[in-house]
Structure formats: structure tokens, C-alpha cells
Amino acid sequence: MTTTVVHVAGMTCSHCVNAVTEELKELAGVRDVTVDLVAGGTSNVSVTSDAPLDGEAVKAAVDEAGYAVVDD
């Protein structure tokens, strides 16, 4: 198992959390998604998966949900 943490901008509520979680859970090998919501700020999203995830696939999933990954 591996955990990938990404920082996501623009989430403000539980609907936002659900949208991002649903998109990320569709990626192959994803077992769990945990969001530390910072309404109006940058939220930490932890994705637990069987193997390391492709960063571009994670960004694309977050984008599909309507939000943006913020680079460190």
C-alpha cells in the first residue's frame, strides 16, 4: 500500500469532498480517499492505493471533479 497526498484548491463543503472522492476512487488500485477540508483554502487529500499513482491521472481526476491540484 502507498499513500499519495495532494493539495486541492477550491473545495468549500461536503459536496466538494464527495465529488473529489468519487473521481479519485475510480482510479485503478485506489482503496481509500481521505480529505482534510479547509473551506476556501487548500485542502489535503490523501489517497491510499495498491501501488504508486500516476500524478497526471490524479490531477485529471481532481480536474474532472471541478477542482485543481496545487503544486508544492
PDB file of N, CA and C in Angstrom:
ATOM      1  N   MET A   1       0.838  -1.180   0.000  1.00  0.00           N
ATOM      2  CA  MET A   1       0.000   0.000   0.000  1.00  0.00           C
ATOM      3  C   MET A   1       0.885   1.246   0.000  1.00  0.00           C
ATOM      4  N   THR A   2       0.374   2.264  -0.646  1.00  0.00           N
ATOM      5  CA  THR A   2       1.078   3.535  -0.677  1.00  0.00           C
ATOM      6  C   THR A   2       0.059   4.656  -0.510  1.00  0.00           C
ATOM      7  N   THR A   3       0.508   5.770   0.031  1.00  0.00           N
ATOM      8  CA  THR A   3      -0.370   6.924   0.207  1.00  0.00           C
ATOM      9  C   THR A   3       0.202   8.108  -0.547  1.00  0.00           C
ATOM     10  N   THR A   4      -0.635   8.720  -1.351  1.00  0.00           N
ATOM     11  CA  THR A   4      -0.275   9.921  -2.102  1.00  0.00           C
ATOM     12  C   THR A   4      -1.061  11.072  -1.513  1.00  0.00           C
ATOM     13  N   VAL A   5      -0.383  12.173  -1.200  1.00  0.00           N
ATOM     14  CA  VAL A   5      -1.063  13.355  -0.673  1.00  0.00           C
ATOM     15  C   VAL A   5      -0.969  14.462  -1.708  1.00  0.00           C
ATOM     16  N   VAL A   6      -2.128  15.027  -2.037  1.00  0.00           N
ATOM     17  CA  VAL A   6      -2.172  16.164  -2.957  1.00  0.00           C
ATOM     18  C   VAL A   6      -2.907  17.306  -2.270  1.00  0.00           C
ATOM     19  N   HIS A   7      -2.603  18.503  -2.692  1.00  0.00           N
ATOM     20  CA  HIS A   7      -3.227  19.707  -2.157  1.00  0.00           C
ATOM     21  C   HIS A   7      -4.204  20.217  -3.204  1.00  0.00           C
ATOM     22  N   VAL A   8      -5.462  20.388  -2.785  1.00  0.00           N
ATOM     23  CA  VAL A   8      -6.522  20.746  -3.717  1.00  0.00           C
ATOM     24  C   VAL A   8      -7.136  22.079  -3.310  1.00  0.00           C
ATOM     25  N   ALA A   9      -7.227  22.990  -4.284  1.00  0.00           N
ATOM     26  CA  ALA A   9      -7.797  24.314  -4.038  1.00  0.00           C
ATOM     27  C   ALA A   9      -9.245  24.361  -4.483  1.00  0.00           C
ATOM     28  N   GLY A  10     -10.038  25.167  -3.782  1.00  0.00           N
ATOM     29  CA  GLY A  10     -11.391  25.470  -4.220  1.00  0.00           C
ATOM     30  C   GLY A  10     -12.511  24.708  -3.553  1.00  0.00           C
ATOM     31  N   MET A  11     -12.197  23.707  -2.736  1.00  0.00           N
ATOM     32  CA  MET A  11     -13.269  22.959  -2.079  1.00  0.00           C
ATOM     33  C   MET A  11     -13.786  23.752  -0.890  1.00  0.00           C
ATOM     34  N   THR A  12     -15.128  23.760  -0.727  1.00  0.00           N
ATOM     35  CA  THR A  12     -15.717  24.548   0.354  1.00  0.00           C
ATOM     36  C   THR A  12     -16.688  23.776   1.244  1.00  0.00           C
ATOM     37  N   CYS A  13     -17.112  22.563   0.823  1.00  0.00           N
ATOM     38  CA  CYS A  13     -18.162  21.873   1.572  1.00  0.00           C
ATOM     39  C   CYS A  13     -18.085  20.361   1.355  1.00  0.00           C
ATOM     40  N   SER A  14     -19.019  19.652   1.991  1.00  0.00           N
ATOM     41  CA  SER A  14     -19.030  18.192   1.877  1.00  0.00           C
ATOM     42  C   SER A  14     -19.354  17.740   0.456  1.00  0.00           C
ATOM     43  N   HIS A  15     -20.124  18.511  -0.292  1.00  0.00           N
ATOM     44  CA  HIS A  15     -20.397  18.160  -1.687  1.00  0.00           C
ATOM     45  C   HIS A  15     -19.085  18.156  -2.480  1.00  0.00           C
ATOM     46  N   CYS A  16     -18.243  19.129  -2.228  1.00  0.00           N
ATOM     47  CA  CYS A  16     -16.934  19.200  -2.895  1.00  0.00           C
ATOM     48  C   CYS A  16     -16.094  17.975  -2.549  1.00  0.00           C
ATOM     49  N   VAL A  17     -16.081  17.641  -1.274  1.00  0.00           N
ATOM     50  CA  VAL A  17     -15.322  16.472  -0.803  1.00  0.00           C
ATOM     51  C   VAL A  17     -15.825  15.217  -1.499  1.00  0.00           C
ATOM     52  N   ASN A  18     -17.142  15.051  -1.581  1.00  0.00           N
ATOM     53  CA  ASN A  18     -17.720  13.870  -2.226  1.00  0.00           C
ATOM     54  C   ASN A  18     -17.364  13.800  -3.705  1.00  0.00           C
ATOM     55  N   ALA A  19     -17.395  14.939  -4.391  1.00  0.00           N
ATOM     56  CA  ALA A  19     -17.081  14.963  -5.822  1.00  0.00           C
ATOM     57  C   ALA A  19     -15.639  14.521  -6.068  1.00  0.00           C
ATOM     58  N   VAL A  20     -14.709  15.059  -5.297  1.00  0.00           N
ATOM     59  CA  VAL A  20     -13.290  14.716  -5.451  1.00  0.00           C
ATOM     60  C   VAL A  20     -13.058  13.249  -5.068  1.00  0.00           C
ATOM     61  N   THR A  21     -13.665  12.826  -3.978  1.00  0.00           N
ATOM     62  CA  THR A  21     -13.509  11.443  -3.514  1.00  0.00           C
ATOM     63  C   THR A  21     -14.005  10.458  -4.560  1.00  0.00           C
ATOM     64  N   GLU A  22     -15.176  10.703  -5.131  1.00  0.00           N
ATOM     65  CA  GLU A  22     -15.737   9.796  -6.132  1.00  0.00           C
ATOM     66  C   GLU A  22     -14.838   9.674  -7.358  1.00  0.00           C
ATOM     67  N   GLU A  23     -14.317  10.799  -7.830  1.00  0.00           N
ATOM     68  CA  GLU A  23     -13.437  10.759  -9.017  1.00  0.00           C
ATOM     69  C   GLU A  23     -12.147  10.008  -8.724  1.00  0.00           C
ATOM     70  N   LEU A  24     -11.544  10.254  -7.559  1.00  0.00           N
ATOM     71  CA  LEU A  24     -10.283   9.593  -7.227  1.00  0.00           C
ATOM     72  C   LEU A  24     -10.475   8.096  -7.010  1.00  0.00           C
ATOM     73  N   LYS A  25     -11.612   7.694  -6.453  1.00  0.00           N
ATOM     74  CA  LYS A  25     -11.859   6.270  -6.208  1.00  0.00           C
ATOM     75  C   LYS A  25     -12.034   5.486  -7.506  1.00  0.00           C
ATOM     76  N   GLU A  26     -12.250   6.174  -8.612  1.00  0.00           N
ATOM     77  CA  GLU A  26     -12.366   5.494  -9.905  1.00  0.00           C
ATOM     78  C   GLU A  26     -11.006   5.126 -10.493  1.00  0.00           C
ATOM     79  N   LEU A  27      -9.925   5.681  -9.950  1.00  0.00           N
ATOM     80  CA  LEU A  27      -8.589   5.335 -10.441  1.00  0.00           C
ATOM     81  C   LEU A  27      -8.261   3.899 -10.036  1.00  0.00           C
ATOM     82  N   ALA A  28      -7.611   3.178 -10.915  1.00  0.00           N
ATOM     83  CA  ALA A  28      -7.255   1.783 -10.650  1.00  0.00           C
ATOM     84  C   ALA A  28      -6.371   1.661  -9.413  1.00  0.00           C
ATOM     85  N   GLY A  29      -6.754   0.748  -8.525  1.00  0.00           N
ATOM     86  CA  GLY A  29      -5.944   0.453  -7.347  1.00  0.00           C
ATOM     87  C   GLY A  29      -6.224   1.303  -6.134  1.00  0.00           C
ATOM     88  N   VAL A  30      -7.070   2.325  -6.251  1.00  0.00           N
ATOM     89  CA  VAL A  30      -7.356   3.202  -5.111  1.00  0.00           C
ATOM     90  C   VAL A  30      -8.232   2.461  -4.110  1.00  0.00           C
ATOM     91  N   ARG A  31      -7.796   2.454  -2.863  1.00  0.00           N
ATOM     92  CA  ARG A  31      -8.511   1.772  -1.784  1.00  0.00           C
ATOM     93  C   ARG A  31      -9.291   2.744  -0.906  1.00  0.00           C
ATOM     94  N   ASP A  32      -8.732   3.958  -0.685  1.00  0.00           N
ATOM     95  CA  ASP A  32      -9.378   4.907   0.222  1.00  0.00           C
ATOM     96  C   ASP A  32      -8.944   6.324  -0.129  1.00  0.00           C
ATOM     97  N   VAL A  33      -9.840   7.263   0.133  1.00  0.00           N
ATOM     98  CA  VAL A  33      -9.552   8.681  -0.052  1.00  0.00           C
ATOM     99  C   VAL A  33     -10.000   9.405   1.215  1.00  0.00           C
ATOM    100  N   THR A  34      -9.110  10.213   1.779  1.00  0.00           N
ATOM    101  CA  THR A  34      -9.428  10.995   2.965  1.00  0.00           C
ATOM    102  C   THR A  34      -9.137  12.455   2.661  1.00  0.00           C
ATOM    103  N   VAL A  35     -10.103  13.332   2.984  1.00  0.00           N
ATOM    104  CA  VAL A  35      -9.948  14.753   2.705  1.00  0.00           C
ATOM    105  C   VAL A  35      -9.963  15.528   4.013  1.00  0.00           C
ATOM    106  N   ASP A  36      -8.941  16.358   4.211  1.00  0.00           N
ATOM    107  CA  ASP A  36      -8.890  17.297   5.333  1.00  0.00           C
ATOM    108  C   ASP A  36      -9.339  18.635   4.756  1.00  0.00           C
ATOM    109  N   LEU A  37     -10.641  18.908   4.839  1.00  0.00           N
ATOM    110  CA  LEU A  37     -11.231  20.080   4.196  1.00  0.00           C
ATOM    111  C   LEU A  37     -10.820  21.369   4.885  1.00  0.00           C
ATOM    112  N   VAL A  38     -10.299  22.296   4.101  1.00  0.00           N
ATOM    113  CA  VAL A  38     -10.021  23.661   4.541  1.00  0.00           C
ATOM    114  C   VAL A  38     -10.872  24.547   3.632  1.00  0.00           C
ATOM    115  N   ALA A  39     -12.083  24.852   4.094  1.00  0.00           N
ATOM    116  CA  ALA A  39     -13.046  25.585   3.271  1.00  0.00           C
ATOM    117  C   ALA A  39     -12.459  26.903   2.784  1.00  0.00           C
ATOM    118  N   GLY A  40     -12.445  27.076   1.469  1.00  0.00           N
ATOM    119  CA  GLY A  40     -11.931  28.300   0.878  1.00  0.00           C
ATOM    120  C   GLY A  40     -10.418  28.358   0.796  1.00  0.00           C
ATOM    121  N   GLY A  41      -9.747  27.323   1.274  1.00  0.00           N
ATOM    122  CA  GLY A  41      -8.289  27.303   1.236  1.00  0.00           C
ATOM    123  C   GLY A  41      -7.792  26.110   0.438  1.00  0.00           C
ATOM    124  N   THR A  42      -6.652  25.587   0.861  1.00  0.00           N
ATOM    125  CA  THR A  42      -6.073  24.426   0.199  1.00  0.00           C
ATOM    126  C   THR A  42      -6.257  23.218   1.104  1.00  0.00           C
ATOM    127  N   SER A  43      -6.992  22.223   0.624  1.00  0.00           N
ATOM    128  CA  SER A  43      -7.286  21.025   1.397  1.00  0.00           C
ATOM    129  C   SER A  43      -6.279  19.923   1.078  1.00  0.00           C
ATOM    130  N   ASN A  44      -5.931  19.132   2.087  1.00  0.00           N
ATOM    131  CA  ASN A  44      -5.051  17.984   1.894  1.00  0.00           C
ATOM    132  C   ASN A  44      -5.912  16.769   1.578  1.00  0.00           C
ATOM    133  N   VAL A  45      -5.576  16.092   0.488  1.00  0.00           N
ATOM    134  CA  VAL A  45      -6.307  14.895   0.076  1.00  0.00           C
ATOM    135  C   VAL A  45      -5.310  13.733   0.071  1.00  0.00           C
ATOM    136  N   SER A  46      -5.588  12.721   0.895  1.00  0.00           N
ATOM    137  CA  SER A  46      -4.737  11.530   0.975  1.00  0.00           C
ATOM    138  C   SER A  46      -5.406  10.391   0.229  1.00  0.00           C
ATOM    139  N   VAL A  47      -4.659   9.792  -0.688  1.00  0.00           N
ATOM    140  CA  VAL A  47      -5.185   8.702  -1.499  1.00  0.00           C
ATOM    141  C   VAL A  47      -4.353   7.451  -1.218  1.00  0.00           C
ATOM    142  N   THR A  48      -4.993   6.422  -0.669  1.00  0.00           N
ATOM    143  CA  THR A  48      -4.324   5.159  -0.382  1.00  0.00           C
ATOM    144  C   THR A  48      -4.598   4.207  -1.537  1.00  0.00           C
ATOM    145  N   SER A  49      -3.523   3.626  -2.066  1.00  0.00           N
ATOM    146  CA  SER A  49      -3.658   2.751  -3.231  1.00  0.00           C
ATOM    147  C   SER A  49      -2.710   1.564  -3.134  1.00  0.00           C
ATOM    148  N   ASP A  50      -2.979   0.584  -3.999  1.00  0.00           N
ATOM    149  CA  ASP A  50      -2.149  -0.620  -4.018  1.00  0.00           C
ATOM    150  C   ASP A  50      -0.720  -0.335  -4.463  1.00  0.00           C
ATOM    151  N   ALA A  51      -0.564   0.613  -5.370  1.00  0.00           N
ATOM    152  CA  ALA A  51       0.744   0.968  -5.927  1.00  0.00           C
ATOM    153  C   ALA A  51       0.784   2.483  -6.114  1.00  0.00           C
ATOM    154  N   PRO A  52       1.969   3.053  -6.308  1.00  0.00           N
ATOM    155  CA  PRO A  52       2.047   4.497  -6.545  1.00  0.00           C
ATOM    156  C   PRO A  52       1.172   4.908  -7.729  1.00  0.00           C
ATOM    157  N   LEU A  53       0.521   6.048  -7.588  1.00  0.00           N
ATOM    158  CA  LEU A  53      -0.372   6.557  -8.630  1.00  0.00           C
ATOM    159  C   LEU A  53       0.364   7.507  -9.564  1.00  0.00           C
ATOM    160  N   ASP A  54      -0.082   7.532 -10.804  1.00  0.00           N
ATOM    161  CA  ASP A  54       0.434   8.495 -11.768  1.00  0.00           C
ATOM    162  C   ASP A  54      -0.079   9.878 -11.392  1.00  0.00           C
ATOM    163  N   GLY A  55       0.829  10.818 -11.196  1.00  0.00           N
ATOM    164  CA  GLY A  55       0.458  12.170 -10.786  1.00  0.00           C
ATOM    165  C   GLY A  55      -0.494  12.853 -11.752  1.00  0.00           C
ATOM    166  N   GLU A  56      -0.300  12.609 -13.039  1.00  0.00           N
ATOM    167  CA  GLU A  56      -1.180  13.223 -14.038  1.00  0.00           C
ATOM    168  C   GLU A  56      -2.587  12.648 -13.968  1.00  0.00           C
ATOM    169  N   ALA A  57      -2.702  11.375 -13.644  1.00  0.00           N
ATOM    170  CA  ALA A  57      -4.023  10.751 -13.505  1.00  0.00           C
ATOM    171  C   ALA A  57      -4.760  11.325 -12.294  1.00  0.00           C
ATOM    172  N   VAL A  58      -4.021  11.561 -11.213  1.00  0.00           N
ATOM    173  CA  VAL A  58      -4.615  12.161 -10.016  1.00  0.00           C
ATOM    174  C   VAL A  58      -5.094  13.574 -10.333  1.00  0.00           C
ATOM    175  N   LYS A  59      -4.251  14.362 -10.991  1.00  0.00           N
ATOM    176  CA  LYS A  59      -4.639  15.729 -11.366  1.00  0.00           C
ATOM    177  C   LYS A  59      -5.856  15.728 -12.274  1.00  0.00           C
ATOM    178  N   ALA A  60      -5.905  14.797 -13.213  1.00  0.00           N
ATOM    179  CA  ALA A  60      -7.030  14.713 -14.143  1.00  0.00           C
ATOM    180  C   ALA A  60      -8.324  14.368 -13.406  1.00  0.00           C
ATOM    181  N   ALA A  61      -8.247  13.481 -12.423  1.00  0.00           N
ATOM    182  CA  ALA A  61      -9.434  13.103 -11.650  1.00  0.00           C
ATOM    183  C   ALA A  61      -9.949  14.283 -10.836  1.00  0.00           C
ATOM    184  N   VAL A  62      -9.038  15.013 -10.210  1.00  0.00           N
ATOM    185  CA  VAL A  62      -9.428  16.195  -9.434  1.00  0.00           C
ATOM    186  C   VAL A  62     -10.018  17.249 -10.361  1.00  0.00           C
ATOM    187  N   ASP A  63      -9.416  17.427 -11.526  1.00  0.00           N
ATOM    188  CA  ASP A  63      -9.919  18.379 -12.517  1.00  0.00           C
ATOM    189  C   ASP A  63     -11.323  17.984 -12.980  1.00  0.00           C
ATOM    190  N   GLU A  64     -11.537  16.707 -13.184  1.00  0.00           N
ATOM    191  CA  GLU A  64     -12.857  16.205 -13.609  1.00  0.00           C
ATOM    192  C   GLU A  64     -13.925  16.535 -12.562  1.00  0.00           C
ATOM    193  N   ALA A  65     -13.515  16.562 -11.301  1.00  0.00           N
ATOM    194  CA  ALA A  65     -14.454  16.906 -10.223  1.00  0.00           C
ATOM    195  C   ALA A  65     -14.700  18.412 -10.144  1.00  0.00           C
ATOM    196  N   GLY A  66     -13.881  19.183 -10.868  1.00  0.00           N
ATOM    197  CA  GLY A  66     -14.077  20.633 -10.898  1.00  0.00           C
ATOM    198  C   GLY A  66     -13.141  21.433 -10.017  1.00  0.00           C
ATOM    199  N   TYR A  67     -12.049  20.818  -9.592  1.00  0.00           N
ATOM    200  CA  TYR A  67     -11.099  21.481  -8.695  1.00  0.00           C
ATOM    201  C   TYR A  67      -9.693  21.371  -9.246  1.00  0.00           C
ATOM    202  N   ALA A  68      -8.738  21.963  -8.560  1.00  0.00           N
ATOM    203  CA  ALA A  68      -7.379  21.987  -9.074  1.00  0.00           C
ATOM    204  C   ALA A  68      -6.373  21.535  -8.023  1.00  0.00           C
ATOM    205  N   VAL A  69      -5.418  20.719  -8.461  1.00  0.00           N
ATOM    206  CA  VAL A  69      -4.300  20.331  -7.612  1.00  0.00           C
ATOM    207  C   VAL A  69      -3.317  21.490  -7.605  1.00  0.00           C
ATOM    208  N   VAL A  70      -2.876  21.856  -6.398  1.00  0.00           N
ATOM    209  CA  VAL A  70      -1.914  22.942  -6.242  1.00  0.00           C
ATOM    210  C   VAL A  70      -0.539  22.303  -6.059  1.00  0.00           C
ATOM    211  N   ASP A  71       0.398  22.665  -6.924  1.00  0.00           N
ATOM    212  CA  ASP A  71       1.756  22.141  -6.798  1.00  0.00           C
ATOM    213  C   ASP A  71       2.433  22.745  -5.582  1.00  0.00           C
ATOM    214  N   ASP A  72       3.262  21.921  -4.943  1.00  0.00           N
ATOM    215  CA  ASP A  72       4.005  22.393  -3.749  1.00  0.00           C
ATOM    216  C   ASP A  72       5.004  23.443  -4.114  1.00  0.00           C
TER     217      ASP A  72
END
